Amino acid sequence: MDQNLPPCPECSCAYTYEMGPLLVCPECGHEWNPAASAVAATAAERVVKDAVGNVLSDGDTVTVIKDLKVKGSPTGIKVGTKVRGIRLVDGVDGHDIDCKVPGIGAMQLKSSVVKKA
């Protein structure tokens, strides 16, 4: 039996026990998956910074700092385009901002090509 189980995140009870893949608190009845809790804690610790070092968060407005080519668009995204209401994600190939660019639509951008407005 593993004696190194974490306390309950709801009531801080130290008498948690395992039931299959879950941990259970006998006092408040709360059940949780310890692996999912570790992933959520890691995501909460992740910090995304823009091209000049400002910390970005969900809902921020950013400005594009260089011209970007976009497949299927004849114009692309121009310098100075403001993008409102960004959402930070774990994207592919460094694309960590999910947003809707005016005139283009929904896409993902790299934080290295934007600055906080």
N, C-alpha and C. Protein backbone atom coordinates (compact mmCIF):
# COMPACT_ATOMS: atom_id res chain seq x y z
N MET A 1 0.85 -1.18 0.00
CA MET A 1 0.00 0.00 0.00
C MET A 1 0.89 1.24 0.00
N ASP A 2 0.57 2.20 -0.85
CA ASP A 2 1.38 3.41 -0.99
C ASP A 2 1.00 4.42 0.09
N GLN A 3 1.97 4.79 0.91
CA GLN A 3 1.71 5.74 1.99
C GLN A 3 2.00 7.18 1.60
N ASN A 4 2.38 7.43 0.36
CA ASN A 4 2.72 8.77 -0.10
C ASN A 4 1.61 9.38 -0.96
N LEU A 5 0.38 9.15 -0.61
CA LEU A 5 -0.74 9.71 -1.37
C LEU A 5 -0.95 11.18 -0.98
N PRO A 6 -1.29 12.02 -1.96
CA PRO A 6 -1.50 13.44 -1.65
C PRO A 6 -2.79 13.67 -0.88
N PRO A 7 -2.89 14.76 -0.14
CA PRO A 7 -4.14 15.05 0.58
C PRO A 7 -5.24 15.46 -0.40
N CYS A 8 -6.45 15.43 0.07
CA CYS A 8 -7.61 15.80 -0.75
C CYS A 8 -7.52 17.28 -1.15
N PRO A 9 -7.71 17.60 -2.44
CA PRO A 9 -7.66 19.01 -2.86
C PRO A 9 -8.87 19.82 -2.41
N GLU A 10 -9.95 19.15 -2.01
CA GLU A 10 -11.15 19.85 -1.57
C GLU A 10 -11.12 20.22 -0.09
N CYS A 11 -10.81 19.22 0.76
CA CYS A 11 -10.89 19.45 2.21
C CYS A 11 -9.56 19.27 2.92
N SER A 12 -8.50 18.91 2.22
CA SER A 12 -7.14 18.71 2.76
C SER A 12 -7.05 17.52 3.71
N CYS A 13 -7.94 16.58 3.59
CA CYS A 13 -7.90 15.38 4.43
C CYS A 13 -6.68 14.54 4.04
N ALA A 14 -5.96 14.04 5.03
CA ALA A 14 -4.75 13.27 4.78
C ALA A 14 -5.02 11.78 4.59
N TYR A 15 -6.26 11.33 4.75
CA TYR A 15 -6.59 9.91 4.72
C TYR A 15 -7.14 9.46 3.38
N THR A 16 -6.57 9.94 2.29
CA THR A 16 -7.04 9.54 0.96
C THR A 16 -6.62 8.10 0.67
N TYR A 17 -7.36 7.46 -0.22
CA TYR A 17 -7.03 6.09 -0.61
C TYR A 17 -7.29 5.91 -2.10
N GLU A 18 -6.69 4.86 -2.66
CA GLU A 18 -6.82 4.57 -4.09
C GLU A 18 -8.02 3.68 -4.34
N MET A 19 -8.73 3.99 -5.44
CA MET A 19 -9.80 3.13 -5.91
C MET A 19 -9.65 3.06 -7.43
N GLY A 20 -8.93 2.06 -7.89
CA GLY A 20 -8.63 1.97 -9.32
C GLY A 20 -7.68 3.11 -9.69
N PRO A 21 -7.98 3.83 -10.77
CA PRO A 21 -7.09 4.93 -11.18
C PRO A 21 -7.35 6.23 -10.41
N LEU A 22 -8.38 6.24 -9.58
CA LEU A 22 -8.75 7.47 -8.86
C LEU A 22 -8.26 7.46 -7.43
N LEU A 23 -8.17 8.65 -6.85
CA LEU A 23 -7.95 8.80 -5.42
C LEU A 23 -9.26 9.28 -4.82
N VAL A 24 -9.58 8.81 -3.61
CA VAL A 24 -10.86 9.11 -2.98
C VAL A 24 -10.62 9.65 -1.58
N CYS A 25 -11.41 10.65 -1.20
CA CYS A 25 -11.35 11.21 0.14
C CYS A 25 -12.50 10.61 0.96
N PRO A 26 -12.21 9.99 2.10
CA PRO A 26 -13.27 9.39 2.90
C PRO A 26 -14.13 10.41 3.65
N GLU A 27 -13.60 11.61 3.87
CA GLU A 27 -14.35 12.61 4.63
C GLU A 27 -15.37 13.36 3.79
N CYS A 28 -14.96 13.85 2.61
CA CYS A 28 -15.90 14.64 1.81
C CYS A 28 -16.42 13.88 0.59
N GLY A 29 -15.83 12.70 0.28
CA GLY A 29 -16.29 11.90 -0.83
C GLY A 29 -15.77 12.36 -2.19
N HIS A 30 -14.85 13.30 -2.21
CA HIS A 30 -14.30 13.81 -3.47
C HIS A 30 -13.43 12.76 -4.13
N GLU A 31 -13.60 12.57 -5.46
CA GLU A 31 -12.78 11.65 -6.24
C GLU A 31 -12.04 12.44 -7.30
N TRP A 32 -10.76 12.14 -7.54
CA TRP A 32 -10.00 12.84 -8.57
C TRP A 32 -8.93 11.93 -9.14
N ASN A 33 -8.50 12.28 -10.33
CA ASN A 33 -7.45 11.55 -11.02
C ASN A 33 -6.13 12.29 -10.77
N PRO A 34 -5.17 11.69 -10.09
CA PRO A 34 -3.92 12.40 -9.78
C PRO A 34 -3.11 12.74 -11.03
N ALA A 35 -3.21 11.95 -12.10
CA ALA A 35 -2.47 12.24 -13.33
C ALA A 35 -3.03 13.50 -14.00
N ALA A 36 -4.35 13.65 -14.02
CA ALA A 36 -4.97 14.84 -14.61
C ALA A 36 -4.65 16.08 -13.78
N SER A 37 -4.55 15.93 -12.48
CA SER A 37 -4.20 17.07 -11.63
C SER A 37 -2.79 17.55 -11.91
N ALA A 38 -1.87 16.62 -12.18
CA ALA A 38 -0.49 16.99 -12.48
C ALA A 38 -0.40 17.72 -13.82
N VAL A 39 -1.18 17.28 -14.82
CA VAL A 39 -1.19 17.94 -16.12
C VAL A 39 -1.75 19.35 -16.00
N ALA A 40 -2.81 19.53 -15.23
CA ALA A 40 -3.42 20.85 -15.04
C ALA A 40 -2.45 21.78 -14.31
N ALA A 41 -1.72 21.27 -13.34
CA ALA A 41 -0.75 22.11 -12.62
C ALA A 41 0.38 22.54 -13.53
N THR A 42 0.83 21.65 -14.42
CA THR A 42 1.89 21.99 -15.37
C THR A 42 1.41 23.05 -16.35
N ALA A 43 0.18 22.93 -16.82
CA ALA A 43 -0.36 23.92 -17.75
C ALA A 43 -0.52 25.27 -17.07
N ALA A 44 -0.85 25.28 -15.79
CA ALA A 44 -1.01 26.54 -15.07
C ALA A 44 0.33 27.24 -14.88
N GLU A 45 1.43 26.48 -14.82
CA GLU A 45 2.75 27.06 -14.63
C GLU A 45 3.36 27.59 -15.92
N ARG A 46 2.81 27.24 -17.07
CA ARG A 46 3.36 27.64 -18.36
C ARG A 46 3.16 29.13 -18.57
N VAL A 47 4.23 29.82 -18.95
CA VAL A 47 4.19 31.26 -19.19
C VAL A 47 4.52 31.52 -20.65
N VAL A 48 3.67 32.28 -21.33
CA VAL A 48 3.90 32.63 -22.73
C VAL A 48 4.23 34.11 -22.79
N LYS A 49 5.34 34.43 -23.45
CA LYS A 49 5.77 35.83 -23.58
C LYS A 49 5.74 36.24 -25.05
N ASP A 50 5.49 37.54 -25.28
CA ASP A 50 5.48 38.04 -26.64
C ASP A 50 6.90 38.33 -27.11
N ALA A 51 7.03 38.97 -28.28
CA ALA A 51 8.35 39.21 -28.87
C ALA A 51 9.23 40.12 -28.04
N VAL A 52 8.65 41.00 -27.22
CA VAL A 52 9.45 41.92 -26.42
C VAL A 52 9.52 41.53 -24.95
N GLY A 53 8.95 40.38 -24.58
CA GLY A 53 9.08 39.87 -23.22
C GLY A 53 7.90 40.10 -22.31
N ASN A 54 6.81 40.68 -22.81
CA ASN A 54 5.61 40.86 -21.97
C ASN A 54 4.89 39.53 -21.82
N VAL A 55 4.38 39.26 -20.63
CA VAL A 55 3.65 38.02 -20.37
C VAL A 55 2.25 38.15 -20.97
N LEU A 56 1.86 37.14 -21.75
CA LEU A 56 0.53 37.13 -22.38
C LEU A 56 -0.41 36.26 -21.56
N SER A 57 -1.72 36.60 -21.62
CA SER A 57 -2.74 35.79 -20.97
C SER A 57 -3.97 35.74 -21.87
N ASP A 58 -4.87 34.83 -21.56
CA ASP A 58 -6.10 34.69 -22.35
C ASP A 58 -6.88 36.00 -22.35
N GLY A 59 -7.40 36.38 -23.52
CA GLY A 59 -8.21 37.57 -23.65
C GLY A 59 -7.45 38.83 -23.99
N ASP A 60 -6.12 38.78 -24.03
CA ASP A 60 -5.32 39.95 -24.36
C ASP A 60 -5.51 40.37 -25.82
N THR A 61 -5.14 41.61 -26.11
CA THR A 61 -5.10 42.12 -27.47
C THR A 61 -3.63 42.25 -27.85
N VAL A 62 -3.28 41.73 -29.02
CA VAL A 62 -1.90 41.78 -29.48
C VAL A 62 -1.83 42.43 -30.86
N THR A 63 -0.63 42.91 -31.22
CA THR A 63 -0.38 43.52 -32.52
C THR A 63 0.69 42.70 -33.23
N VAL A 64 0.46 42.41 -34.51
CA VAL A 64 1.43 41.66 -35.31
C VAL A 64 2.61 42.58 -35.63
N ILE A 65 3.86 42.10 -35.45
CA ILE A 65 5.02 42.96 -35.63
C ILE A 65 5.78 42.71 -36.94
N LYS A 66 5.35 41.73 -37.74
CA LYS A 66 5.98 41.51 -39.04
C LYS A 66 4.95 40.94 -40.00
N ASP A 67 5.18 41.18 -41.30
CA ASP A 67 4.27 40.64 -42.32
C ASP A 67 4.32 39.12 -42.29
N LEU A 68 3.14 38.50 -42.36
CA LEU A 68 3.05 37.04 -42.35
C LEU A 68 2.33 36.55 -43.60
N LYS A 69 2.90 35.57 -44.25
CA LYS A 69 2.25 34.95 -45.40
C LYS A 69 1.26 33.92 -44.88
N VAL A 70 0.09 33.86 -45.54
CA VAL A 70 -0.94 32.92 -45.15
C VAL A 70 -1.35 32.14 -46.39
N LYS A 71 -1.32 30.81 -46.29
CA LYS A 71 -1.74 29.99 -47.42
C LYS A 71 -3.19 30.27 -47.75
N GLY A 72 -3.49 30.47 -49.02
CA GLY A 72 -4.86 30.69 -49.46
C GLY A 72 -5.32 32.13 -49.38
N SER A 73 -4.48 33.02 -48.89
CA SER A 73 -4.82 34.43 -48.80
C SER A 73 -3.83 35.23 -49.65
N PRO A 74 -4.33 36.04 -50.58
CA PRO A 74 -3.41 36.79 -51.44
C PRO A 74 -2.65 37.89 -50.70
N THR A 75 -3.20 38.42 -49.61
CA THR A 75 -2.56 39.54 -48.92
C THR A 75 -1.76 39.13 -47.70
N GLY A 76 -2.17 38.12 -46.98
CA GLY A 76 -1.50 37.74 -45.74
C GLY A 76 -1.89 38.67 -44.60
N ILE A 77 -1.09 38.67 -43.55
CA ILE A 77 -1.35 39.52 -42.39
C ILE A 77 -0.28 40.61 -42.37
N LYS A 78 -0.72 41.85 -42.35
CA LYS A 78 0.19 43.00 -42.41
C LYS A 78 0.67 43.41 -41.02
N VAL A 79 1.79 44.09 -40.98
CA VAL A 79 2.33 44.64 -39.74
C VAL A 79 1.31 45.61 -39.14
N GLY A 80 1.11 45.55 -37.84
CA GLY A 80 0.20 46.47 -37.17
C GLY A 80 -1.22 45.96 -37.03
N THR A 81 -1.51 44.78 -37.57
CA THR A 81 -2.85 44.20 -37.43
C THR A 81 -3.11 43.86 -35.97
N LYS A 82 -4.21 44.37 -35.43
CA LYS A 82 -4.57 44.07 -34.03
C LYS A 82 -5.45 42.84 -33.99
N VAL A 83 -5.11 41.95 -33.09
CA VAL A 83 -5.87 40.72 -32.87
C VAL A 83 -6.39 40.76 -31.45
N ARG A 84 -7.71 40.72 -31.30
CA ARG A 84 -8.34 40.83 -29.98
C ARG A 84 -8.77 39.46 -29.45
N GLY A 85 -8.75 39.34 -28.15
CA GLY A 85 -9.27 38.13 -27.50
C GLY A 85 -8.51 36.87 -27.83
N ILE A 86 -7.19 36.87 -27.63
CA ILE A 86 -6.40 35.68 -27.92
C ILE A 86 -6.65 34.61 -26.88
N ARG A 87 -6.30 33.38 -27.25
CA ARG A 87 -6.41 32.25 -26.33
C ARG A 87 -5.09 31.49 -26.40
N LEU A 88 -4.47 31.23 -25.27
CA LEU A 88 -3.19 30.52 -25.23
C LEU A 88 -3.43 29.01 -25.27
N VAL A 89 -2.71 28.33 -26.15
CA VAL A 89 -2.87 26.89 -26.33
C VAL A 89 -1.50 26.23 -26.45
N ASP A 90 -1.47 24.91 -26.33
CA ASP A 90 -0.26 24.14 -26.63
C ASP A 90 -0.36 23.72 -28.08
N GLY A 91 0.09 24.58 -28.96
CA GLY A 91 -0.04 24.32 -30.39
C GLY A 91 1.09 23.50 -30.94
N VAL A 92 1.04 23.28 -32.25
CA VAL A 92 2.04 22.51 -32.95
C VAL A 92 3.11 23.44 -33.50
N ASP A 93 4.37 23.06 -33.40
CA ASP A 93 5.48 23.78 -34.01
C ASP A 93 5.62 25.22 -33.50
N GLY A 94 5.36 25.44 -32.21
CA GLY A 94 5.56 26.76 -31.62
C GLY A 94 4.39 27.72 -31.76
N HIS A 95 3.31 27.31 -32.37
CA HIS A 95 2.12 28.16 -32.50
C HIS A 95 1.33 28.06 -31.21
N ASP A 96 1.48 29.05 -30.34
CA ASP A 96 0.88 28.98 -29.01
C ASP A 96 -0.24 29.98 -28.77
N ILE A 97 -0.69 30.66 -29.82
CA ILE A 97 -1.81 31.61 -29.70
C ILE A 97 -2.89 31.20 -30.68
N ASP A 98 -4.10 31.01 -30.17
CA ASP A 98 -5.26 30.70 -31.00
C ASP A 98 -6.10 31.97 -31.07
N CYS A 99 -6.47 32.42 -32.28
CA CYS A 99 -7.15 33.70 -32.41
C CYS A 99 -7.93 33.79 -33.72
N LYS A 100 -8.68 34.87 -33.86
CA LYS A 100 -9.36 35.20 -35.11
C LYS A 100 -8.76 36.49 -35.63
N VAL A 101 -8.08 36.42 -36.77
CA VAL A 101 -7.43 37.58 -37.36
C VAL A 101 -8.45 38.27 -38.27
N PRO A 102 -8.65 39.58 -38.09
CA PRO A 102 -9.61 40.31 -38.94
C PRO A 102 -9.25 40.19 -40.42
N GLY A 103 -10.22 39.82 -41.23
CA GLY A 103 -10.01 39.68 -42.66
C GLY A 103 -9.47 38.34 -43.09
N ILE A 104 -8.99 37.52 -42.15
CA ILE A 104 -8.41 36.22 -42.47
C ILE A 104 -9.27 35.10 -41.87
N GLY A 105 -9.54 35.17 -40.58
CA GLY A 105 -10.32 34.15 -39.89
C GLY A 105 -9.54 33.51 -38.76
N ALA A 106 -10.01 32.35 -38.33
CA ALA A 106 -9.40 31.65 -37.21
C ALA A 106 -8.07 31.03 -37.62
N MET A 107 -7.06 31.19 -36.78
CA MET A 107 -5.75 30.60 -37.03
C MET A 107 -4.92 30.61 -35.76
N GLN A 108 -3.75 30.00 -35.83
CA GLN A 108 -2.81 30.00 -34.71
C GLN A 108 -1.58 30.81 -35.10
N LEU A 109 -1.08 31.58 -34.15
CA LEU A 109 0.11 32.41 -34.35
C LEU A 109 1.19 32.02 -33.34
N LYS A 110 2.43 32.36 -33.67
CA LYS A 110 3.52 32.19 -32.73
C LYS A 110 3.62 33.46 -31.89
N SER A 111 3.94 33.31 -30.63
CA SER A 111 4.06 34.46 -29.75
C SER A 111 5.26 35.33 -30.12
N SER A 112 6.19 34.80 -30.89
CA SER A 112 7.38 35.55 -31.28
C SER A 112 7.10 36.59 -32.37
N VAL A 113 5.91 36.59 -32.97
CA VAL A 113 5.59 37.54 -34.02
C VAL A 113 4.54 38.56 -33.60
N VAL A 114 4.24 38.61 -32.29
CA VAL A 114 3.24 39.57 -31.80
C VAL A 114 3.80 40.32 -30.59
N LYS A 115 3.20 41.47 -30.31
CA LYS A 115 3.51 42.16 -29.06
C LYS A 115 2.19 42.59 -28.42
N LYS A 116 2.19 42.66 -27.12
CA LYS A 116 0.99 43.01 -26.37
C LYS A 116 0.62 44.44 -26.66
N ALA A 117 -0.66 44.68 -26.95
CA ALA A 117 -1.11 46.04 -27.28
C ALA A 117 -1.46 46.81 -26.03
